């Protein structure tokens, strides 16, 4: 199973990031929701700020490109093996930086990947 940081997690059930945390946990993955608002998803508290998280396999982004630059150092500090750019989060600058560091890039939808079994 893949420990996954959900960056841009929202406590609102209508948000895709909320569904991603639910689906990840239901499929047996450890989800770490990180966001800017208090709340919980699937019984997991949303963490604010830039917490230390060990053994991260995947970061799935739910932050638009304009909100990503302050997180660049944090993202790379987590040393993920893969970063998923969900629809609306595609950022050529960050994608290039990710590739330069040898991290796998996926431009796709976490929810679709989970539903078809290629997560």
PDB file of N, CA and C in Angstrom:
ATOM      1  N   UNK A   1       0.835  -1.181   0.000  1.00  0.00           N
ATOM      2  CA  UNK A   1       0.000   0.000   0.000  1.00  0.00           C
ATOM      3  C   UNK A   1       0.888   1.257   0.000  1.00  0.00           C
ATOM      4  N   UNK A   2       0.353   2.327  -0.537  1.00  0.00           N
ATOM      5  CA  UNK A   2       1.144   3.525  -0.762  1.00  0.00           C
ATOM      6  C   UNK A   2       0.714   4.667   0.154  1.00  0.00           C
ATOM      7  N   UNK A   3       1.605   5.080   1.053  1.00  0.00           N
ATOM      8  CA  UNK A   3       1.313   6.241   1.897  1.00  0.00           C
ATOM      9  C   UNK A   3       1.226   7.458   0.986  1.00  0.00           C
ATOM     10  N   UNK A   4       0.101   8.166   1.074  1.00  0.00           N
ATOM     11  CA  UNK A   4      -0.180   9.262   0.156  1.00  0.00           C
ATOM     12  C   UNK A   4      -0.519  10.541   0.910  1.00  0.00           C
ATOM     13  N   UNK A   5       0.220  11.596   0.595  1.00  0.00           N
ATOM     14  CA  UNK A   5      -0.088  12.926   1.106  1.00  0.00           C
ATOM     15  C   UNK A   5      -1.069  13.568   0.135  1.00  0.00           C
ATOM     16  N   UNK A   6      -2.210  13.996   0.644  1.00  0.00           N
ATOM     17  CA  UNK A   6      -3.210  14.698  -0.150  1.00  0.00           C
ATOM     18  C   UNK A   6      -3.029  16.178   0.151  1.00  0.00           C
ATOM     19  N   UNK A   7      -2.304  16.862  -0.730  1.00  0.00           N
ATOM     20  CA  UNK A   7      -1.958  18.272  -0.504  1.00  0.00           C
ATOM     21  C   UNK A   7      -3.044  19.155  -1.108  1.00  0.00           C
ATOM     22  N   UNK A   8      -3.721  19.883  -0.219  1.00  0.00           N
ATOM     23  CA  UNK A   8      -4.864  20.693  -0.627  1.00  0.00           C
ATOM     24  C   UNK A   8      -6.168  20.051  -0.192  1.00  0.00           C
ATOM     25  N   UNK A   9      -6.092  19.225   0.853  1.00  0.00           N
ATOM     26  CA  UNK A   9      -7.283  18.525   1.357  1.00  0.00           C
ATOM     27  C   UNK A   9      -8.296  19.523   1.914  1.00  0.00           C
ATOM     28  N   UNK A  10      -9.555  19.253   1.634  1.00  0.00           N
ATOM     29  CA  UNK A  10     -10.646  20.110   2.089  1.00  0.00           C
ATOM     30  C   UNK A  10     -11.622  19.305   2.945  1.00  0.00           C
ATOM     31  N   UNK A  11     -12.162  19.938   3.995  1.00  0.00           N
ATOM     32  CA  UNK A  11     -13.168  19.248   4.814  1.00  0.00           C
ATOM     33  C   UNK A  11     -14.560  19.230   4.183  1.00  0.00           C
ATOM     34  N   UNK A  12     -14.689  19.799   2.983  1.00  0.00           N
ATOM     35  CA  UNK A  12     -15.994  19.843   2.309  1.00  0.00           C
ATOM     36  C   UNK A  12     -16.207  18.561   1.496  1.00  0.00           C
ATOM     37  N   UNK A  13     -17.265  17.808   1.798  1.00  0.00           N
ATOM     38  CA  UNK A  13     -17.510  16.544   1.099  1.00  0.00           C
ATOM     39  C   UNK A  13     -17.686  16.677  -0.414  1.00  0.00           C
ATOM     40  N   UNK A  14     -18.005  17.865  -0.913  1.00  0.00           N
ATOM     41  CA  UNK A  14     -18.185  18.037  -2.362  1.00  0.00           C
ATOM     42  C   UNK A  14     -16.858  18.163  -3.108  1.00  0.00           C
ATOM     43  N   UNK A  15     -15.752  18.292  -2.388  1.00  0.00           N
ATOM     44  CA  UNK A  15     -14.439  18.476  -3.021  1.00  0.00           C
ATOM     45  C   UNK A  15     -13.813  17.129  -3.402  1.00  0.00           C
ATOM     46  N   UNK A  16     -13.095  17.139  -4.512  1.00  0.00           N
ATOM     47  CA  UNK A  16     -12.428  15.913  -4.961  1.00  0.00           C
ATOM     48  C   UNK A  16     -11.359  15.459  -3.978  1.00  0.00           C
ATOM     49  N   UNK A  17     -10.699  16.396  -3.317  1.00  0.00           N
ATOM     50  CA  UNK A  17      -9.666  16.012  -2.347  1.00  0.00           C
ATOM     51  C   UNK A  17     -10.277  15.213  -1.194  1.00  0.00           C
ATOM     52  N   UNK A  18     -11.478  15.568  -0.808  1.00  0.00           N
ATOM     53  CA  UNK A  18     -12.196  14.841   0.246  1.00  0.00           C
ATOM     54  C   UNK A  18     -12.463  13.401  -0.216  1.00  0.00           C
ATOM     55  N   UNK A  19     -12.975  13.281  -1.435  1.00  0.00           N
ATOM     56  CA  UNK A  19     -13.243  11.944  -1.990  1.00  0.00           C
ATOM     57  C   UNK A  19     -11.965  11.131  -2.128  1.00  0.00           C
ATOM     58  N   UNK A  20     -10.868  11.798  -2.481  1.00  0.00           N
ATOM     59  CA  UNK A  20      -9.596  11.090  -2.630  1.00  0.00           C
ATOM     60  C   UNK A  20      -9.170  10.459  -1.310  1.00  0.00           C
ATOM     61  N   UNK A  21      -9.278  11.206  -0.216  1.00  0.00           N
ATOM     62  CA  UNK A  21      -8.906  10.655   1.092  1.00  0.00           C
ATOM     63  C   UNK A  21      -9.802   9.464   1.419  1.00  0.00           C
ATOM     64  N   UNK A  22     -11.106   9.611   1.181  1.00  0.00           N
ATOM     65  CA  UNK A  22     -12.036   8.499   1.446  1.00  0.00           C
ATOM     66  C   UNK A  22     -11.676   7.264   0.621  1.00  0.00           C
ATOM     67  N   UNK A  23     -11.439   7.464  -0.665  1.00  0.00           N
ATOM     68  CA  UNK A  23     -11.149   6.335  -1.545  1.00  0.00           C
ATOM     69  C   UNK A  23      -9.803   5.693  -1.231  1.00  0.00           C
ATOM     70  N   UNK A  24      -8.808   6.521  -0.950  1.00  0.00           N
ATOM     71  CA  UNK A  24      -7.489   5.968  -0.596  1.00  0.00           C
ATOM     72  C   UNK A  24      -7.602   5.057   0.620  1.00  0.00           C
ATOM     73  N   UNK A  25      -8.275   5.559   1.668  1.00  0.00           N
ATOM     74  CA  UNK A  25      -8.374   4.765   2.891  1.00  0.00           C
ATOM     75  C   UNK A  25      -9.223   3.515   2.664  1.00  0.00           C
ATOM     76  N   UNK A  26     -10.277   3.620   1.854  1.00  0.00           N
ATOM     77  CA  UNK A  26     -11.126   2.449   1.615  1.00  0.00           C
ATOM     78  C   UNK A  26     -10.382   1.371   0.820  1.00  0.00           C
ATOM     79  N   UNK A  27      -9.361   1.777   0.069  1.00  0.00           N
ATOM     80  CA  UNK A  27      -8.559   0.823  -0.714  1.00  0.00           C
ATOM     81  C   UNK A  27      -7.316   0.363   0.051  1.00  0.00           C
ATOM     82  N   UNK A  28      -7.195   0.792   1.323  1.00  0.00           N
ATOM     83  CA  UNK A  28      -6.105   0.313   2.158  1.00  0.00           C
ATOM     84  C   UNK A  28      -4.844   1.157   2.165  1.00  0.00           C
ATOM     85  N   UNK A  29      -4.867   2.299   1.488  1.00  0.00           N
ATOM     86  CA  UNK A  29      -3.700   3.194   1.488  1.00  0.00           C
ATOM     87  C   UNK A  29      -3.778   4.119   2.693  1.00  0.00           C
ATOM     88  N   UNK A  30      -2.623   4.484   3.218  1.00  0.00           N
ATOM     89  CA  UNK A  30      -2.590   5.459   4.309  1.00  0.00           C
ATOM     90  C   UNK A  30      -2.637   6.844   3.702  1.00  0.00           C
ATOM     91  N   UNK A  31      -3.677   7.613   4.017  1.00  0.00           N
ATOM     92  CA  UNK A  31      -3.831   8.970   3.500  1.00  0.00           C
ATOM     93  C   UNK A  31      -3.462   9.973   4.576  1.00  0.00           C
ATOM     94  N   UNK A  32      -2.715  11.000   4.184  1.00  0.00           N
ATOM     95  CA  UNK A  32      -2.327  12.084   5.087  1.00  0.00           C
ATOM     96  C   UNK A  32      -2.881  13.371   4.481  1.00  0.00           C
ATOM     97  N   UNK A  33      -4.065  13.813   4.944  1.00  0.00           N
ATOM     98  CA  UNK A  33      -4.644  15.026   4.381  1.00  0.00           C
ATOM     99  C   UNK A  33      -4.012  16.287   4.968  1.00  0.00           C
ATOM    100  N   UNK A  34      -3.507  17.143   4.075  1.00  0.00           N
ATOM    101  CA  UNK A  34      -2.896  18.407   4.489  1.00  0.00           C
ATOM    102  C   UNK A  34      -3.658  19.528   3.799  1.00  0.00           C
ATOM    103  N   UNK A  35      -4.138  20.477   4.603  1.00  0.00           N
ATOM    104  CA  UNK A  35      -4.922  21.580   4.053  1.00  0.00           C
ATOM    105  C   UNK A  35      -4.813  22.817   4.911  1.00  0.00           C
ATOM    106  N   UNK A  36      -5.676  23.782   4.637  1.00  0.00           N
ATOM    107  CA  UNK A  36      -5.614  25.050   5.369  1.00  0.00           C
ATOM    108  C   UNK A  36      -6.810  25.247   6.300  1.00  0.00           C
ATOM    109  N   UNK A  37      -7.774  24.328   6.244  1.00  0.00           N
ATOM    110  CA  UNK A  37      -8.962  24.453   7.092  1.00  0.00           C
ATOM    111  C   UNK A  37      -9.055  23.282   8.053  1.00  0.00           C
ATOM    112  N   UNK A  38      -9.602  23.551   9.236  1.00  0.00           N
ATOM    113  CA  UNK A  38      -9.830  22.499  10.220  1.00  0.00           C
ATOM    114  C   UNK A  38     -10.911  21.551   9.729  1.00  0.00           C
ATOM    115  N   UNK A  39     -10.783  20.308  10.117  1.00  0.00           N
ATOM    116  CA  UNK A  39     -11.787  19.326   9.774  1.00  0.00           C
ATOM    117  C   UNK A  39     -11.185  17.943   9.750  1.00  0.00           C
ATOM    118  N   UNK A  40     -12.000  16.991   9.366  1.00  0.00           N
ATOM    119  CA  UNK A  40     -11.551  15.602   9.269  1.00  0.00           C
ATOM    120  C   UNK A  40     -12.221  14.950   8.074  1.00  0.00           C
ATOM    121  N   UNK A  41     -11.532  13.947   7.539  1.00  0.00           N
ATOM    122  CA  UNK A  41     -12.052  13.174   6.420  1.00  0.00           C
ATOM    123  C   UNK A  41     -11.850  11.702   6.771  1.00  0.00           C
ATOM    124  N   UNK A  42     -12.916  10.939   6.709  1.00  0.00           N
ATOM    125  CA  UNK A  42     -12.844   9.503   7.007  1.00  0.00           C
ATOM    126  C   UNK A  42     -12.190   9.251   8.363  1.00  0.00           C
ATOM    127  N   UNK A  43     -12.494  10.133   9.325  1.00  0.00           N
ATOM    128  CA  UNK A  43     -11.939   9.980  10.663  1.00  0.00           C
ATOM    129  C   UNK A  43     -10.497  10.421  10.822  1.00  0.00           C
ATOM    130  N   UNK A  44      -9.915  11.031   9.770  1.00  0.00           N
ATOM    131  CA  UNK A  44      -8.523  11.487   9.816  1.00  0.00           C
ATOM    132  C   UNK A  44      -8.525  13.015   9.856  1.00  0.00           C
ATOM    133  N   UNK A  45      -7.892  13.579  10.867  1.00  0.00           N
ATOM    134  CA  UNK A  45      -7.820  15.037  10.965  1.00  0.00           C
ATOM    135  C   UNK A  45      -6.989  15.624   9.838  1.00  0.00           C
ATOM    136  N   UNK A  46      -7.469  16.729   9.283  1.00  0.00           N
ATOM    137  CA  UNK A  46      -6.694  17.471   8.295  1.00  0.00           C
ATOM    138  C   UNK A  46      -5.585  18.193   9.053  1.00  0.00           C
ATOM    139  N   UNK A  47      -4.368  18.055   8.557  1.00  0.00           N
ATOM    140  CA  UNK A  47      -3.207  18.678   9.191  1.00  0.00           C
ATOM    141  C   UNK A  47      -2.938  20.001   8.486  1.00  0.00           C
ATOM    142  N   UNK A  48      -2.716  21.039   9.266  1.00  0.00           N
ATOM    143  CA  UNK A  48      -2.389  22.347   8.702  1.00  0.00           C
ATOM    144  C   UNK A  48      -0.873  22.539   8.692  1.00  0.00           C
ATOM    145  N   UNK A  49      -0.416  23.384   7.785  1.00  0.00           N
ATOM    146  CA  UNK A  49       1.010  23.695   7.741  1.00  0.00           C
ATOM    147  C   UNK A  49       1.773  22.716   6.873  1.00  0.00           C
ATOM    148  N   UNK A  50       3.021  22.481   7.273  1.00  0.00           N
ATOM    149  CA  UNK A  50       3.911  21.600   6.517  1.00  0.00           C
ATOM    150  C   UNK A  50       4.531  20.570   7.466  1.00  0.00           C
ATOM    151  N   UNK A  51       3.723  19.610   7.883  1.00  0.00           N
ATOM    152  CA  UNK A  51       4.199  18.624   8.856  1.00  0.00           C
ATOM    153  C   UNK A  51       5.219  17.657   8.266  1.00  0.00           C
ATOM    154  N   UNK A  52       6.048  17.133   9.136  1.00  0.00           N
ATOM    155  CA  UNK A  52       6.969  16.076   8.740  1.00  0.00           C
ATOM    156  C   UNK A  52       6.161  14.796   8.545  1.00  0.00           C
ATOM    157  N   UNK A  53       6.350  14.163   7.402  1.00  0.00           N
ATOM    158  CA  UNK A  53       5.685  12.898   7.105  1.00  0.00           C
ATOM    159  C   UNK A  53       6.757  11.967   6.550  1.00  0.00           C
ATOM    160  N   UNK A  54       6.917  10.823   7.180  1.00  0.00           N
ATOM    161  CA  UNK A  54       7.937   9.864   6.749  1.00  0.00           C
ATOM    162  C   UNK A  54       7.366   8.862   5.751  1.00  0.00           C
ATOM    163  N   UNK A  55       8.259   8.290   4.958  1.00  0.00           N
ATOM    164  CA  UNK A  55       7.925   7.181   4.055  1.00  0.00           C
ATOM    165  C   UNK A  55       6.778   7.497   3.098  1.00  0.00           C
ATOM    166  N   UNK A  56       6.814   8.691   2.503  1.00  0.00           N
ATOM    167  CA  UNK A  56       5.776   9.090   1.552  1.00  0.00           C
ATOM    168  C   UNK A  56       6.044   8.420   0.206  1.00  0.00           C
ATOM    169  N   UNK A  57       5.055   7.730  -0.293  1.00  0.00           N
ATOM    170  CA  UNK A  57       5.176   7.167  -1.638  1.00  0.00           C
ATOM    171  C   UNK A  57       4.681   8.179  -2.675  1.00  0.00           C
ATOM    172  N   UNK A  58       3.496   8.741  -2.432  1.00  0.00           N
ATOM    173  CA  UNK A  58       2.846   9.595  -3.418  1.00  0.00           C
ATOM    174  C   UNK A  58       2.344  10.878  -2.781  1.00  0.00           C
ATOM    175  N   UNK A  59       2.479  11.964  -3.528  1.00  0.00           N
ATOM    176  CA  UNK A  59       1.793  13.217  -3.192  1.00  0.00           C
ATOM    177  C   UNK A  59       0.782  13.439  -4.298  1.00  0.00           C
ATOM    178  N   UNK A  60      -0.479  13.592  -3.932  1.00  0.00           N
ATOM    179  CA  UNK A  60      -1.497  13.907  -4.913  1.00  0.00           C
ATOM    180  C   UNK A  60      -1.927  15.352  -4.682  1.00  0.00           C
ATOM    181  N   UNK A  61      -1.792  16.167  -5.727  1.00  0.00           N
ATOM    182  CA  UNK A  61      -2.003  17.607  -5.596  1.00  0.00           C
ATOM    183  C   UNK A  61      -3.443  18.016  -5.883  1.00  0.00           C
ATOM    184  N   UNK A  62      -3.958  18.839  -4.970  1.00  0.00           N
ATOM    185  CA  UNK A  62      -5.258  19.477  -5.141  1.00  0.00           C
ATOM    186  C   UNK A  62      -5.118  20.972  -4.905  1.00  0.00           C
ATOM    187  N   UNK A  63      -3.970  21.508  -5.296  1.00  0.00           N
ATOM    188  CA  UNK A  63      -3.698  22.946  -5.234  1.00  0.00           C
ATOM    189  C   UNK A  63      -3.453  23.431  -6.653  1.00  0.00           C
ATOM    190  N   UNK A  64      -4.081  24.543  -7.020  1.00  0.00           N
ATOM    191  CA  UNK A  64      -3.839  25.109  -8.341  1.00  0.00           C
ATOM    192  C   UNK A  64      -2.401  25.595  -8.477  1.00  0.00           C
ATOM    193  N   UNK A  65      -1.926  25.749  -9.716  1.00  0.00           N
ATOM    194  CA  UNK A  65      -0.540  26.146  -9.955  1.00  0.00           C
ATOM    195  C   UNK A  65      -0.098  27.407  -9.224  1.00  0.00           C
ATOM    196  N   UNK A  66      -0.979  28.385  -9.092  1.00  0.00           N
ATOM    197  CA  UNK A  66      -0.605  29.644  -8.421  1.00  0.00           C
ATOM    198  C   UNK A  66      -0.358  29.462  -6.931  1.00  0.00           C
ATOM    199  N   UNK A  67      -0.939  28.428  -6.344  1.00  0.00           N
ATOM    200  CA  UNK A  67      -0.781  28.188  -4.900  1.00  0.00           C
ATOM    201  C   UNK A  67       0.341  27.201  -4.584  1.00  0.00           C
ATOM    202  N   UNK A  68       0.951  26.624  -5.613  1.00  0.00           N
ATOM    203  CA  UNK A  68       1.969  25.595  -5.401  1.00  0.00           C
ATOM    204  C   UNK A  68       3.364  26.098  -5.013  1.00  0.00           C
ATOM    205  N   UNK A  69       3.870  27.220  -5.577  1.00  0.00           N
ATOM    206  CA  UNK A  69       5.269  27.600  -5.307  1.00  0.00           C
ATOM    207  C   UNK A  69       5.694  27.633  -3.838  1.00  0.00           C
ATOM    208  N   UNK A  70       4.858  28.117  -2.904  1.00  0.00           N
ATOM    209  CA  UNK A  70       5.304  28.092  -1.509  1.00  0.00           C
ATOM    210  C   UNK A  70       5.530  26.671  -0.957  1.00  0.00           C
ATOM    211  N   UNK A  71       5.011  25.671  -1.654  1.00  0.00           N
ATOM    212  CA  UNK A  71       5.130  24.280  -1.193  1.00  0.00           C
ATOM    213  C   UNK A  71       6.252  23.510  -1.880  1.00  0.00           C
ATOM    214  N   UNK A  72       6.944  24.101  -2.837  1.00  0.00           N
ATOM    215  CA  UNK A  72       7.970  23.363  -3.575  1.00  0.00           C
ATOM    216  C   UNK A  72       8.981  22.704  -2.646  1.00  0.00           C
ATOM    217  N   UNK A  73       9.589  23.479  -1.766  1.00  0.00           N
ATOM    218  CA  UNK A  73      10.600  22.914  -0.861  1.00  0.00           C
ATOM    219  C   UNK A  73       9.998  21.824   0.019  1.00  0.00           C
ATOM    220  N   UNK A  74       8.778  22.055   0.484  1.00  0.00           N
ATOM    221  CA  UNK A  74       8.109  21.056   1.318  1.00  0.00           C
ATOM    222  C   UNK A  74       7.885  19.759   0.542  1.00  0.00           C
ATOM    223  N   UNK A  75       7.379  19.884  -0.675  1.00  0.00           N
ATOM    224  CA  UNK A  75       7.117  18.710  -1.513  1.00  0.00           C
ATOM    225  C   UNK A  75       8.392  17.893  -1.688  1.00  0.00           C
ATOM    226  N   UNK A  76       9.487  18.557  -2.047  1.00  0.00           N
ATOM    227  CA  UNK A  76      10.729  17.826  -2.284  1.00  0.00           C
ATOM    228  C   UNK A  76      11.327  17.290  -0.987  1.00  0.00           C
ATOM    229  N   UNK A  77      11.086  17.988   0.109  1.00  0.00           N
ATOM    230  CA  UNK A  77      11.568  17.531   1.407  1.00  0.00           C
ATOM    231  C   UNK A  77      10.909  16.230   1.860  1.00  0.00           C
ATOM    232  N   UNK A  78       9.705  15.963   1.367  1.00  0.00           N
ATOM    233  CA  UNK A  78       9.014  14.718   1.711  1.00  0.00           C
ATOM    234  C   UNK A  78       9.585  13.516   0.961  1.00  0.00           C
ATOM    235  N   UNK A  79      10.371  13.775  -0.052  1.00  0.00           N
ATOM    236  CA  UNK A  79      11.038  12.738  -0.848  1.00  0.00           C
ATOM    237  C   UNK A  79      10.054  11.692  -1.398  1.00  0.00           C
ATOM    238  N   UNK A  80       9.010  12.166  -2.090  1.00  0.00           N
ATOM    239  CA  UNK A  80       8.056  11.201  -2.646  1.00  0.00           C
ATOM    240  C   UNK A  80       8.652  10.454  -3.830  1.00  0.00           C
ATOM    241  N   UNK A  81       8.084   9.302  -4.098  1.00  0.00           N
ATOM    242  CA  UNK A  81       8.472   8.538  -5.279  1.00  0.00           C
ATOM    243  C   UNK A  81       7.653   8.974  -6.501  1.00  0.00           C
ATOM    244  N   UNK A  82       6.465   9.569  -6.230  1.00  0.00           N
ATOM    245  CA  UNK A  82       5.563   9.945  -7.311  1.00  0.00           C
ATOM    246  C   UNK A  82       4.748  11.159  -6.890  1.00  0.00           C
ATOM    247  N   UNK A  83       4.438  12.019  -7.875  1.00  0.00           N
ATOM    248  CA  UNK A  83       3.533  13.145  -7.659  1.00  0.00           C
ATOM    249  C   UNK A  83       2.450  13.075  -8.725  1.00  0.00           C
ATOM    250  N   UNK A  84       1.205  13.143  -8.272  1.00  0.00           N
ATOM    251  CA  UNK A  84       0.068  13.131  -9.183  1.00  0.00           C
ATOM    252  C   UNK A  84      -0.466  14.555  -9.308  1.00  0.00           C
ATOM    253  N   UNK A  85      -0.516  15.035 -10.541  1.00  0.00           N
ATOM    254  CA  UNK A  85      -1.107  16.335 -10.849  1.00  0.00           C
ATOM    255  C   UNK A  85      -2.536  16.078 -11.311  1.00  0.00           C
ATOM    256  N   UNK A  86      -3.486  16.309 -10.412  1.00  0.00           N
ATOM    257  CA  UNK A  86      -4.897  16.121 -10.735  1.00  0.00           C
ATOM    258  C   UNK A  86      -5.369  17.230 -11.674  1.00  0.00           C
ATOM    259  N   UNK A  87      -6.502  17.028 -12.360  1.00  0.00           N
ATOM    260  CA  UNK A  87      -6.990  18.061 -13.281  1.00  0.00           C
ATOM    261  C   UNK A  87      -7.063  19.436 -12.608  1.00  0.00           C
ATOM    262  N   UNK A  88      -6.494  20.428 -13.285  1.00  0.00           N
ATOM    263  CA  UNK A  88      -6.471  21.790 -12.759  1.00  0.00           C
ATOM    264  C   UNK A  88      -5.231  22.118 -11.954  1.00  0.00           C
ATOM    265  N   UNK A  89      -4.378  21.126 -11.694  1.00  0.00           N
ATOM    266  CA  UNK A  89      -3.158  21.372 -10.910  1.00  0.00           C
ATOM    267  C   UNK A  89      -1.903  21.314 -11.774  1.00  0.00           C
ATOM    268  N   UNK A  90      -2.073  21.059 -13.065  1.00  0.00           N
ATOM    269  CA  UNK A  90      -0.925  20.932 -13.956  1.00  0.00           C
ATOM    270  C   UNK A  90      -0.092  22.217 -13.922  1.00  0.00           C
ATOM    271  N   UNK A  91       1.216  22.051 -13.733  1.00  0.00           N
ATOM    272  CA  UNK A  91       2.120  23.184 -13.578  1.00  0.00           C
ATOM    273  C   UNK A  91       3.439  22.815 -14.262  1.00  0.00           C
ATOM    274  N   UNK A  92       3.681  23.321 -15.481  1.00  0.00           N
ATOM    275  CA  UNK A  92       4.894  22.952 -16.216  1.00  0.00           C
ATOM    276  C   UNK A  92       6.184  23.184 -15.430  1.00  0.00           C
ATOM    277  N   UNK A  93       6.247  24.273 -14.674  1.00  0.00           N
ATOM    278  CA  UNK A  93       7.451  24.557 -13.887  1.00  0.00           C
ATOM    279  C   UNK A  93       7.700  23.461 -12.854  1.00  0.00           C
ATOM    280  N   UNK A  94       6.670  23.125 -12.080  1.00  0.00           N
ATOM    281  CA  UNK A  94       6.827  22.109 -11.050  1.00  0.00           C
ATOM    282  C   UNK A  94       7.050  20.734 -11.679  1.00  0.00           C
ATOM    283  N   UNK A  95       6.363  20.443 -12.762  1.00  0.00           N
ATOM    284  CA  UNK A  95       6.565  19.151 -13.431  1.00  0.00           C
ATOM    285  C   UNK A  95       8.030  19.003 -13.846  1.00  0.00           C
ATOM    286  N   UNK A  96       8.622  20.060 -14.388  1.00  0.00           N
ATOM    287  CA  UNK A  96      10.027  20.011 -14.792  1.00  0.00           C
ATOM    288  C   UNK A  96      10.941  19.779 -13.587  1.00  0.00           C
ATOM    289  N   UNK A  97      10.682  20.492 -12.492  1.00  0.00           N
ATOM    290  CA  UNK A  97      11.494  20.319 -11.277  1.00  0.00           C
ATOM    291  C   UNK A  97      11.376  18.900 -10.724  1.00  0.00           C
ATOM    292  N   UNK A  98      10.175  18.350 -10.787  1.00  0.00           N
ATOM    293  CA  UNK A  98       9.943  16.983 -10.313  1.00  0.00           C
ATOM    294  C   UNK A  98      10.743  15.990 -11.159  1.00  0.00           C
ATOM    295  N   UNK A  99      10.675  16.145 -12.472  1.00  0.00           N
ATOM    296  CA  UNK A  99      11.396  15.247 -13.374  1.00  0.00           C
ATOM    297  C   UNK A  99      12.908  15.347 -13.167  1.00  0.00           C
ATOM    298  N   UNK A 100      13.407  16.574 -12.961  1.00  0.00           N
ATOM    299  CA  UNK A 100      14.840  16.769 -12.740  1.00  0.00           C
ATOM    300  C   UNK A 100      15.331  16.031 -11.502  1.00  0.00           C
ATOM    301  N   UNK A 101      14.452  15.811 -10.562  1.00  0.00           N
ATOM    302  CA  UNK A 101      14.813  15.116  -9.322  1.00  0.00           C
ATOM    303  C   UNK A 101      14.571  13.608  -9.417  1.00  0.00           C
ATOM    304  N   UNK A 102      14.145  13.154 -10.568  1.00  0.00           N
ATOM    305  CA  UNK A 102      13.943  11.718 -10.763  1.00  0.00           C
ATOM    306  C   UNK A 102      12.689  11.171 -10.111  1.00  0.00           C
ATOM    307  N   UNK A 103      11.734  12.053  -9.835  1.00  0.00           N
ATOM    308  CA  UNK A 103      10.472  11.638  -9.223  1.00  0.00           C
ATOM    309  C   UNK A 103       9.471  11.368 -10.344  1.00  0.00           C
ATOM    310  N   UNK A 104       8.718  10.288 -10.201  1.00  0.00           N
ATOM    311  CA  UNK A 104       7.715   9.940 -11.204  1.00  0.00           C
ATOM    312  C   UNK A 104       6.610  10.993 -11.244  1.00  0.00           C
ATOM    313  N   UNK A 105       6.215  11.379 -12.437  1.00  0.00           N
ATOM    314  CA  UNK A 105       5.136  12.350 -12.646  1.00  0.00           C
ATOM    315  C   UNK A 105       3.943  11.640 -13.263  1.00  0.00           C
ATOM    316  N   UNK A 106       2.780  11.851 -12.683  1.00  0.00           N
ATOM    317  CA  UNK A 106       1.519  11.373 -13.253  1.00  0.00           C
ATOM    318  C   UNK A 106       0.630  12.595 -13.441  1.00  0.00           C
ATOM    319  N   UNK A 107       0.157  12.820 -14.649  1.00  0.00           N
ATOM    320  CA  UNK A 107      -0.838  13.849 -14.898  1.00  0.00           C
ATOM    321  C   UNK A 107      -2.129  13.091 -15.142  1.00  0.00           C
ATOM    322  N   UNK A 108      -2.985  13.108 -14.145  1.00  0.00           N
ATOM    323  CA  UNK A 108      -4.206  12.315 -14.218  1.00  0.00           C
ATOM    324  C   UNK A 108      -5.063  12.554 -12.997  1.00  0.00           C
ATOM    325  N   UNK A 109      -6.030  11.716 -12.826  1.00  0.00           N
ATOM    326  CA  UNK A 109      -6.972  11.874 -11.720  1.00  0.00           C
ATOM    327  C   UNK A 109      -6.826  10.715 -10.734  1.00  0.00           C
ATOM    328  N   UNK A 110      -6.503  11.057  -9.510  1.00  0.00           N
ATOM    329  CA  UNK A 110      -6.345  10.047  -8.466  1.00  0.00           C
ATOM    330  C   UNK A 110      -7.599   9.184  -8.333  1.00  0.00           C
ATOM    331  N   UNK A 111      -8.767   9.810  -8.385  1.00  0.00           N
ATOM    332  CA  UNK A 111     -10.014   9.052  -8.222  1.00  0.00           C
ATOM    333  C   UNK A 111     -10.211   8.051  -9.357  1.00  0.00           C
ATOM    334  N   UNK A 112      -9.876   8.450 -10.572  1.00  0.00           N
ATOM    335  CA  UNK A 112      -9.993   7.526 -11.704  1.00  0.00           C
ATOM    336  C   UNK A 112      -8.971   6.408 -11.553  1.00  0.00           C
ATOM    337  N   UNK A 113      -7.745   6.753 -11.213  1.00  0.00           N
ATOM    338  CA  UNK A 113      -6.696   5.739 -11.035  1.00  0.00           C
ATOM    339  C   UNK A 113      -7.125   4.690 -10.005  1.00  0.00           C
ATOM    340  N   UNK A 114      -7.692   5.157  -8.893  1.00  0.00           N
ATOM    341  CA  UNK A 114      -8.143   4.228  -7.855  1.00  0.00           C
ATOM    342  C   UNK A 114      -9.305   3.365  -8.361  1.00  0.00           C
ATOM    343  N   UNK A 115     -10.214   3.967  -9.109  1.00  0.00           N
ATOM    344  CA  UNK A 115     -11.409   3.233  -9.545  1.00  0.00           C
ATOM    345  C   UNK A 115     -11.103   2.173 -10.588  1.00  0.00           C
ATOM    346  N   UNK A 116     -10.055   2.378 -11.385  1.00  0.00           N
ATOM    347  CA  UNK A 116      -9.733   1.370 -12.412  1.00  0.00           C
ATOM    348  C   UNK A 116      -8.584   0.462 -12.006  1.00  0.00           C
ATOM    349  N   UNK A 117      -8.068   0.668 -10.800  1.00  0.00           N
ATOM    350  CA  UNK A 117      -7.075  -0.241 -10.255  1.00  0.00           C
ATOM    351  C   UNK A 117      -5.638  -0.018 -10.723  1.00  0.00           C
ATOM    352  N   UNK A 118      -5.306   1.180 -11.197  1.00  0.00           N
ATOM    353  CA  UNK A 118      -3.921   1.430 -11.593  1.00  0.00           C
ATOM    354  C   UNK A 118      -3.259   2.508 -10.740  1.00  0.00           C
ATOM    355  N   UNK A 119      -3.670   2.568  -9.472  1.00  0.00           N
ATOM    356  CA  UNK A 119      -3.064   3.530  -8.554  1.00  0.00           C
ATOM    357  C   UNK A 119      -1.692   3.034  -8.146  1.00  0.00           C
TER     358      UNK A 119
END
